[in-house]
Amino acid sequence: MELGHNWHKWKEILGDAVGLGERVGMEEETINNAAFRLGDFFANNMDPANHEQRLMKELWDEGNDEERKTLATLMTRVSHKASYRNN
């Protein structure tokens, strides 16, 4: 199974990236801004690999910039928690 197809593994990897950002001293706002830019990249360039990613893309496409920033912030929190549970 490709990594992109496994939602839980994908969240864990994103969470590990958030944790790394924190460990190197990145501010929460900087991490959230990076998540926003990453979300925009994925929405514009990647085909969703599973139902969860498809839902995220639909929400992203429907949202305005403020709503997308909120979605990116929430995804960083969810993924960060997922990485803690699996370590």
C-alpha atoms as a PDB file:
ATOM      1  CA  MET A   1       0.000   0.000   0.000  1.00  0.00           C
ATOM      2  CA  GLU A   2       1.319   3.424  -0.912  1.00  0.00           C
ATOM      3  CA  LEU A   3       1.890   5.803   1.967  1.00  0.00           C
ATOM      4  CA  GLY A   4      -0.605   8.340   0.614  1.00  0.00           C
ATOM      5  CA  HIS A   5      -3.371   5.761   0.758  1.00  0.00           C
ATOM      6  CA  ASN A   6      -3.051   5.160   4.502  1.00  0.00           C
ATOM      7  CA  TRP A   7      -4.715   8.100   6.268  1.00  0.00           C
ATOM      8  CA  HIS A   8      -3.437   7.204   9.739  1.00  0.00           C
ATOM      9  CA  LYS A   9       0.165   6.881   8.562  1.00  0.00           C
ATOM     10  CA  TRP A  10      -0.158  10.159   6.669  1.00  0.00           C
ATOM     11  CA  LYS A  11      -1.393  11.940   9.827  1.00  0.00           C
ATOM     12  CA  GLU A  12       1.488  10.442  11.802  1.00  0.00           C
ATOM     13  CA  ILE A  13       4.066  11.718   9.299  1.00  0.00           C
ATOM     14  CA  LEU A  14       2.521  15.195   9.277  1.00  0.00           C
ATOM     15  CA  GLY A  15       2.508  15.133  13.072  1.00  0.00           C
ATOM     16  CA  ASP A  16       6.168  14.150  13.161  1.00  0.00           C
ATOM     17  CA  ALA A  17       6.907  17.146  10.929  1.00  0.00           C
ATOM     18  CA  VAL A  18       4.997  19.439  13.309  1.00  0.00           C
ATOM     19  CA  GLY A  19       6.931  17.995  16.258  1.00  0.00           C
ATOM     20  CA  LEU A  20      10.228  18.533  14.451  1.00  0.00           C
ATOM     21  CA  GLY A  21       9.277  22.139  13.754  1.00  0.00           C
ATOM     22  CA  GLU A  22       8.575  22.655  17.450  1.00  0.00           C
ATOM     23  CA  ARG A  23      11.858  21.036  18.478  1.00  0.00           C
ATOM     24  CA  VAL A  24      13.873  23.324  16.210  1.00  0.00           C
ATOM     25  CA  GLY A  25      12.124  26.360  17.683  1.00  0.00           C
ATOM     26  CA  MET A  26       9.498  27.218  15.093  1.00  0.00           C
ATOM     27  CA  GLU A  27       6.644  29.328  16.407  1.00  0.00           C
ATOM     28  CA  GLU A  28       3.134  27.858  16.236  1.00  0.00           C
ATOM     29  CA  GLU A  29       2.116  30.566  13.770  1.00  0.00           C
ATOM     30  CA  THR A  30       5.033  29.653  11.485  1.00  0.00           C
ATOM     31  CA  ILE A  31       4.055  25.974  11.593  1.00  0.00           C
ATOM     32  CA  ASN A  32       0.439  26.836  10.832  1.00  0.00           C
ATOM     33  CA  ASN A  33       1.475  29.080   7.923  1.00  0.00           C
ATOM     34  CA  ALA A  34       3.596  26.248   6.520  1.00  0.00           C
ATOM     35  CA  ALA A  35       0.611  23.886   6.889  1.00  0.00           C
ATOM     36  CA  PHE A  36      -1.558  26.392   5.004  1.00  0.00           C
ATOM     37  CA  ARG A  37       0.945  26.582   2.138  1.00  0.00           C
ATOM     38  CA  LEU A  38       1.298  22.793   2.092  1.00  0.00           C
ATOM     39  CA  GLY A  39      -2.477  22.367   2.049  1.00  0.00           C
ATOM     40  CA  ASP A  40      -2.731  24.766  -0.866  1.00  0.00           C
ATOM     41  CA  PHE A  41      -0.027  22.851  -2.737  1.00  0.00           C
ATOM     42  CA  PHE A  42      -1.752  19.508  -2.163  1.00  0.00           C
ATOM     43  CA  ALA A  43      -5.175  20.861  -3.142  1.00  0.00           C
ATOM     44  CA  ASN A  44      -3.792  22.262  -6.391  1.00  0.00           C
ATOM     45  CA  ASN A  45      -1.358  19.505  -7.380  1.00  0.00           C
ATOM     46  CA  MET A  46      -2.276  16.152  -5.857  1.00  0.00           C
ATOM     47  CA  ASP A  47      -5.131  13.764  -6.460  1.00  0.00           C
ATOM     48  CA  PRO A  48      -6.622  12.620  -3.126  1.00  0.00           C
ATOM     49  CA  ALA A  49      -5.598   9.012  -2.439  1.00  0.00           C
ATOM     50  CA  ASN A  50      -8.399   8.094  -0.021  1.00  0.00           C
ATOM     51  CA  HIS A  51     -11.810   9.232   1.234  1.00  0.00           C
ATOM     52  CA  GLU A  52     -10.353  11.352   4.040  1.00  0.00           C
ATOM     53  CA  GLN A  53      -8.031  13.231   1.705  1.00  0.00           C
ATOM     54  CA  ARG A  54     -10.911  13.752  -0.735  1.00  0.00           C
ATOM     55  CA  LEU A  55     -12.975  15.288   2.074  1.00  0.00           C
ATOM     56  CA  MET A  56     -10.071  17.550   3.057  1.00  0.00           C
ATOM     57  CA  LYS A  57      -9.758  18.709  -0.575  1.00  0.00           C
ATOM     58  CA  GLU A  58     -13.494  19.399  -0.824  1.00  0.00           C
ATOM     59  CA  LEU A  59     -13.399  21.442   2.388  1.00  0.00           C
ATOM     60  CA  TRP A  60     -10.290  23.274   1.166  1.00  0.00           C
ATOM     61  CA  ASP A  61     -11.854  24.050  -2.196  1.00  0.00           C
ATOM     62  CA  GLU A  62     -15.028  25.414  -0.572  1.00  0.00           C
ATOM     63  CA  GLY A  63     -13.257  27.544   2.022  1.00  0.00           C
ATOM     64  CA  ASN A  64     -11.988  31.076   1.789  1.00  0.00           C
ATOM     65  CA  ASP A  65      -8.428  31.881   2.931  1.00  0.00           C
ATOM     66  CA  GLU A  66      -9.433  32.347   6.573  1.00  0.00           C
ATOM     67  CA  GLU A  67     -11.326  29.048   6.623  1.00  0.00           C
ATOM     68  CA  ARG A  68      -8.410  27.298   4.911  1.00  0.00           C
ATOM     69  CA  LYS A  69      -6.029  28.658   7.559  1.00  0.00           C
ATOM     70  CA  THR A  70      -8.352  27.296  10.240  1.00  0.00           C
ATOM     71  CA  LEU A  71      -8.483  23.918   8.508  1.00  0.00           C
ATOM     72  CA  ALA A  72      -4.674  23.837   8.247  1.00  0.00           C
ATOM     73  CA  THR A  73      -4.329  24.721  11.940  1.00  0.00           C
ATOM     74  CA  LEU A  74      -6.772  21.996  12.943  1.00  0.00           C
ATOM     75  CA  MET A  75      -4.965  19.457  10.767  1.00  0.00           C
ATOM     76  CA  THR A  76      -1.639  20.289  12.445  1.00  0.00           C
ATOM     77  CA  ARG A  77      -3.229  19.661  15.851  1.00  0.00           C
ATOM     78  CA  VAL A  78      -4.869  16.392  14.797  1.00  0.00           C
ATOM     79  CA  SER A  79      -1.739  15.088  13.113  1.00  0.00           C
ATOM     80  CA  HIS A  80       0.494  16.123  16.008  1.00  0.00           C
ATOM     81  CA  LYS A  81      -1.695  14.171  18.426  1.00  0.00           C
ATOM     82  CA  ALA A  82      -1.561  11.173  16.076  1.00  0.00           C
ATOM     83  CA  SER A  83       2.238  11.199  16.113  1.00  0.00           C
ATOM     84  CA  TYR A  84       2.311  11.332  19.933  1.00  0.00           C
ATOM     85  CA  ARG A  85      -0.018   8.337  20.216  1.00  0.00           C
ATOM     86  CA  ASN A  86       2.204   6.257  17.984  1.00  0.00           C
ATOM     87  CA  ASN A  87       5.530   7.060  19.691  1.00  0.00           C
END
